Amino acid sequence: MVLLEILVIPGGGFAGILGFALMAVGVFLTFSREGTQAGLFVMGGTIVLNVSALVLALRSKTWDRAMLKKEVDGRVNTIDGDLVKPGDQGVTVSRCAPIGKAMIHDEFYEVHARSAFIDENTEIEVIRIEGNKIFIKQKNH
């Protein structure tokens, strides 16, 4: 629990205090019930075990095995000015409240509704493009 507190759980909280208390109680009970020699043996073993676990946990190879190695292949809206222009039309594929997804020219884009919420499967029109944001409005019928 102490190792978990040091490396995983932020702050000096309950898990670290509980882990330290349990180790101290175990050593104390060994001294009181089994005698000095057994108490010293358990105390020494506890110290060696904790230091060894800490050293093992801090080695970089330990964390390499535990790390996620998958690459994130998500992308931010990359808007080709030739494909999406103000005045283009499309259909929402999710509710825009005020941000949602829309299909414009058979491509999915994250879009921003100009004012009101726009429901799913609603025809929309591109109003303007600012950087990587596409602003839309519900198409007038």
C-alpha atoms as a PDB file:
ATOM      1  CA  MET A   1       0.000   0.000   0.000  1.00  0.00           C
ATOM      2  CA  VAL A   2       2.870   2.348   0.696  1.00  0.00           C
ATOM      3  CA  LEU A   3       4.318   1.719  -2.763  1.00  0.00           C
ATOM      4  CA  LEU A   4       0.891   2.295  -4.294  1.00  0.00           C
ATOM      5  CA  GLU A   5       0.644   5.572  -2.385  1.00  0.00           C
ATOM      6  CA  ILE A   6       4.074   6.765  -3.510  1.00  0.00           C
ATOM      7  CA  LEU A   7       3.780   5.896  -7.188  1.00  0.00           C
ATOM      8  CA  VAL A   8       0.111   5.836  -8.148  1.00  0.00           C
ATOM      9  CA  ILE A   9      -2.177   7.675  -5.748  1.00  0.00           C
ATOM     10  CA  PRO A  10      -1.426  11.401  -5.577  1.00  0.00           C
ATOM     11  CA  GLY A  11      -0.839  13.032  -2.209  1.00  0.00           C
ATOM     12  CA  GLY A  12      -0.062  11.611   1.210  1.00  0.00           C
ATOM     13  CA  GLY A  13      -3.378   9.969   1.812  1.00  0.00           C
ATOM     14  CA  PHE A  14      -5.207   7.096   3.348  1.00  0.00           C
ATOM     15  CA  ALA A  15      -3.508   4.234   1.464  1.00  0.00           C
ATOM     16  CA  GLY A  16       0.003   5.296   2.515  1.00  0.00           C
ATOM     17  CA  ILE A  17      -0.946   5.867   6.143  1.00  0.00           C
ATOM     18  CA  LEU A  18      -2.807   2.550   6.282  1.00  0.00           C
ATOM     19  CA  GLY A  19       0.075   0.672   4.660  1.00  0.00           C
ATOM     20  CA  PHE A  20       2.638   2.167   7.031  1.00  0.00           C
ATOM     21  CA  ALA A  21       0.397   1.489  10.049  1.00  0.00           C
ATOM     22  CA  LEU A  22      -0.104  -2.155   9.051  1.00  0.00           C
ATOM     23  CA  MET A  23       3.648  -2.666   8.680  1.00  0.00           C
ATOM     24  CA  ALA A  24       4.303  -1.043  12.068  1.00  0.00           C
ATOM     25  CA  VAL A  25       1.607  -3.162  13.765  1.00  0.00           C
ATOM     26  CA  GLY A  26       3.030  -6.315  12.197  1.00  0.00           C
ATOM     27  CA  VAL A  27       6.540  -5.550  13.447  1.00  0.00           C
ATOM     28  CA  PHE A  28       5.238  -4.548  16.912  1.00  0.00           C
ATOM     29  CA  LEU A  29       3.158  -7.728  17.258  1.00  0.00           C
ATOM     30  CA  THR A  30       6.148  -9.843  16.238  1.00  0.00           C
ATOM     31  CA  PHE A  31       8.307  -8.187  18.914  1.00  0.00           C
ATOM     32  CA  SER A  32       5.626  -8.558  21.606  1.00  0.00           C
ATOM     33  CA  ARG A  33       4.520 -12.134  20.818  1.00  0.00           C
ATOM     34  CA  GLU A  34       7.605 -13.826  19.368  1.00  0.00           C
ATOM     35  CA  GLY A  35      10.477 -11.990  21.042  1.00  0.00           C
ATOM     36  CA  THR A  36      13.369  -9.734  20.106  1.00  0.00           C
ATOM     37  CA  GLN A  37      15.118 -12.044  17.665  1.00  0.00           C
ATOM     38  CA  ALA A  38      11.964 -12.690  15.588  1.00  0.00           C
ATOM     39  CA  GLY A  39      11.023  -8.992  15.816  1.00  0.00           C
ATOM     40  CA  LEU A  40      14.404  -7.901  14.458  1.00  0.00           C
ATOM     41  CA  PHE A  41      14.141 -10.492  11.685  1.00  0.00           C
ATOM     42  CA  VAL A  42      10.652  -9.274  10.647  1.00  0.00           C
ATOM     43  CA  MET A  43      11.683  -5.601  10.900  1.00  0.00           C
ATOM     44  CA  GLY A  44      14.769  -6.224   8.745  1.00  0.00           C
ATOM     45  CA  GLY A  45      12.710  -8.208   6.232  1.00  0.00           C
ATOM     46  CA  THR A  46      10.108  -5.444   6.066  1.00  0.00           C
ATOM     47  CA  ILE A  47      12.771  -2.801   5.390  1.00  0.00           C
ATOM     48  CA  VAL A  48      14.538  -4.920   2.750  1.00  0.00           C
ATOM     49  CA  LEU A  49      11.238  -5.807   1.059  1.00  0.00           C
ATOM     50  CA  ASN A  50      10.073  -2.165   0.932  1.00  0.00           C
ATOM     51  CA  VAL A  51      13.387  -0.828  -0.367  1.00  0.00           C
ATOM     52  CA  SER A  52      13.560  -3.605  -2.982  1.00  0.00           C
ATOM     53  CA  ALA A  53      10.006  -2.950  -4.140  1.00  0.00           C
ATOM     54  CA  LEU A  54      10.701   0.783  -4.396  1.00  0.00           C
ATOM     55  CA  VAL A  55      13.907   0.241  -6.386  1.00  0.00           C
ATOM     56  CA  LEU A  56      12.156  -2.219  -8.697  1.00  0.00           C
ATOM     57  CA  ALA A  57       9.236   0.155  -9.208  1.00  0.00           C
ATOM     58  CA  LEU A  58      11.505   3.089 -10.006  1.00  0.00           C
ATOM     59  CA  ARG A  59      13.511   1.236 -12.659  1.00  0.00           C
ATOM     60  CA  SER A  60      12.555   2.419 -16.124  1.00  0.00           C
ATOM     61  CA  LYS A  61      12.109  -1.087 -17.541  1.00  0.00           C
ATOM     62  CA  THR A  62       9.345  -1.762 -15.022  1.00  0.00           C
ATOM     63  CA  TRP A  63       7.346   1.183 -16.333  1.00  0.00           C
ATOM     64  CA  ASP A  64       8.097   0.285 -19.969  1.00  0.00           C
ATOM     65  CA  ARG A  65       6.272  -2.998 -19.426  1.00  0.00           C
ATOM     66  CA  ALA A  66       3.318  -1.260 -17.797  1.00  0.00           C
ATOM     67  CA  MET A  67       3.051   1.612 -20.293  1.00  0.00           C
ATOM     68  CA  LEU A  68       0.518   1.795 -23.067  1.00  0.00           C
ATOM     69  CA  LYS A  69       2.429   1.625 -26.338  1.00  0.00           C
ATOM     70  CA  LYS A  70      -0.446   2.303 -28.716  1.00  0.00           C
ATOM     71  CA  GLU A  71      -0.146   5.419 -30.799  1.00  0.00           C
ATOM     72  CA  VAL A  72      -2.999   7.876 -30.773  1.00  0.00           C
ATOM     73  CA  ASP A  73      -4.125   8.249 -34.355  1.00  0.00           C
ATOM     74  CA  GLY A  74      -6.991  10.652 -33.733  1.00  0.00           C
ATOM     75  CA  ARG A  75      -6.889  13.933 -35.534  1.00  0.00           C
ATOM     76  CA  VAL A  76      -8.182  17.432 -35.193  1.00  0.00           C
ATOM     77  CA  ASN A  77     -10.439  18.726 -37.943  1.00  0.00           C
ATOM     78  CA  THR A  78      -8.199  19.194 -40.938  1.00  0.00           C
ATOM     79  CA  ILE A  79     -10.187  21.282 -43.310  1.00  0.00           C
ATOM     80  CA  ASP A  80      -9.217  21.431 -46.953  1.00  0.00           C
ATOM     81  CA  GLY A  81     -10.361  24.808 -48.242  1.00  0.00           C
ATOM     82  CA  ASP A  82     -11.148  23.231 -51.609  1.00  0.00           C
ATOM     83  CA  LEU A  83     -13.492  20.608 -50.095  1.00  0.00           C
ATOM     84  CA  VAL A  84     -15.473  22.614 -47.536  1.00  0.00           C
ATOM     85  CA  LYS A  85     -16.504  26.192 -48.230  1.00  0.00           C
ATOM     86  CA  PRO A  86     -19.159  28.548 -46.886  1.00  0.00           C
ATOM     87  CA  GLY A  87     -22.453  27.708 -48.564  1.00  0.00           C
ATOM     88  CA  ASP A  88     -21.763  23.960 -48.712  1.00  0.00           C
ATOM     89  CA  GLN A  89     -24.511  21.715 -47.411  1.00  0.00           C
ATOM     90  CA  GLY A  90     -24.542  18.541 -45.381  1.00  0.00           C
ATOM     91  CA  VAL A  91     -26.391  16.536 -42.742  1.00  0.00           C
ATOM     92  CA  THR A  92     -25.783  16.305 -39.009  1.00  0.00           C
ATOM     93  CA  VAL A  93     -24.923  12.822 -37.760  1.00  0.00           C
ATOM     94  CA  SER A  94     -25.152  13.796 -34.096  1.00  0.00           C
ATOM     95  CA  ARG A  95     -26.975  16.458 -32.153  1.00  0.00           C
ATOM     96  CA  CYS A  96     -25.140  19.787 -32.270  1.00  0.00           C
ATOM     97  CA  ALA A  97     -25.451  21.231 -28.804  1.00  0.00           C
ATOM     98  CA  PRO A  98     -23.685  23.455 -29.934  1.00  0.00           C
ATOM     99  CA  ILE A  99     -20.850  21.158 -31.084  1.00  0.00           C
ATOM    100  CA  GLY A 100     -21.536  17.948 -32.973  1.00  0.00           C
ATOM    101  CA  LYS A 101     -20.671  15.888 -36.036  1.00  0.00           C
ATOM    102  CA  ALA A 102     -21.842  16.408 -39.584  1.00  0.00           C
ATOM    103  CA  MET A 103     -21.247  14.801 -42.944  1.00  0.00           C
ATOM    104  CA  ILE A 104     -20.285  17.275 -45.635  1.00  0.00           C
ATOM    105  CA  HIS A 105     -19.289  15.942 -49.084  1.00  0.00           C
ATOM    106  CA  ASP A 106     -19.140  12.345 -47.737  1.00  0.00           C
ATOM    107  CA  GLU A 107     -16.635  13.308 -44.999  1.00  0.00           C
ATOM    108  CA  PHE A 108     -17.266  13.564 -41.246  1.00  0.00           C
ATOM    109  CA  TYR A 109     -16.397  16.876 -39.572  1.00  0.00           C
ATOM    110  CA  GLU A 110     -16.763  18.360 -36.126  1.00  0.00           C
ATOM    111  CA  VAL A 111     -19.079  21.348 -36.525  1.00  0.00           C
ATOM    112  CA  HIS A 112     -20.235  24.238 -34.366  1.00  0.00           C
ATOM    113  CA  ALA A 113     -23.863  25.387 -34.467  1.00  0.00           C
ATOM    114  CA  ARG A 114     -24.103  29.143 -34.657  1.00  0.00           C
ATOM    115  CA  SER A 115     -26.962  29.568 -32.233  1.00  0.00           C
ATOM    116  CA  ALA A 116     -29.617  26.988 -31.389  1.00  0.00           C
ATOM    117  CA  PHE A 117     -29.257  23.266 -30.962  1.00  0.00           C
ATOM    118  CA  ILE A 118     -29.539  21.267 -34.164  1.00  0.00           C
ATOM    119  CA  ASP A 119     -30.927  17.736 -34.010  1.00  0.00           C
ATOM    120  CA  GLU A 120     -29.449  14.645 -35.653  1.00  0.00           C
ATOM    121  CA  ASN A 121     -30.209  14.009 -39.362  1.00  0.00           C
ATOM    122  CA  THR A 122     -30.933  17.676 -40.043  1.00  0.00           C
ATOM    123  CA  GLU A 123     -29.844  19.386 -43.227  1.00  0.00           C
ATOM    124  CA  ILE A 124     -27.295  22.092 -42.514  1.00  0.00           C
ATOM    125  CA  GLU A 125     -25.360  24.775 -44.354  1.00  0.00           C
ATOM    126  CA  VAL A 126     -21.782  25.915 -43.712  1.00  0.00           C
ATOM    127  CA  ILE A 127     -21.737  29.593 -42.705  1.00  0.00           C
ATOM    128  CA  ARG A 128     -18.037  30.198 -42.208  1.00  0.00           C
ATOM    129  CA  ILE A 129     -14.741  28.491 -41.460  1.00  0.00           C
ATOM    130  CA  GLU A 130     -12.325  29.878 -38.887  1.00  0.00           C
ATOM    131  CA  GLY A 131      -9.076  27.944 -38.565  1.00  0.00           C
ATOM    132  CA  ASN A 132     -10.116  24.357 -37.934  1.00  0.00           C
ATOM    133  CA  LYS A 133     -13.707  25.189 -36.899  1.00  0.00           C
ATOM    134  CA  ILE A 134     -16.692  24.851 -39.198  1.00  0.00           C
ATOM    135  CA  PHE A 135     -19.697  26.958 -38.225  1.00  0.00           C
ATOM    136  CA  ILE A 136     -23.093  25.810 -39.445  1.00  0.00           C
ATOM    137  CA  LYS A 137     -26.763  26.735 -39.370  1.00  0.00           C
ATOM    138  CA  GLN A 138     -29.876  24.730 -40.014  1.00  0.00           C
ATOM    139  CA  LYS A 139     -30.767  24.859 -43.701  1.00  0.00           C
ATOM    140  CA  ASN A 140     -33.786  27.004 -44.511  1.00  0.00           C
ATOM    141  CA  HIS A 141     -36.472  25.142 -46.428  1.00  0.00           C
END
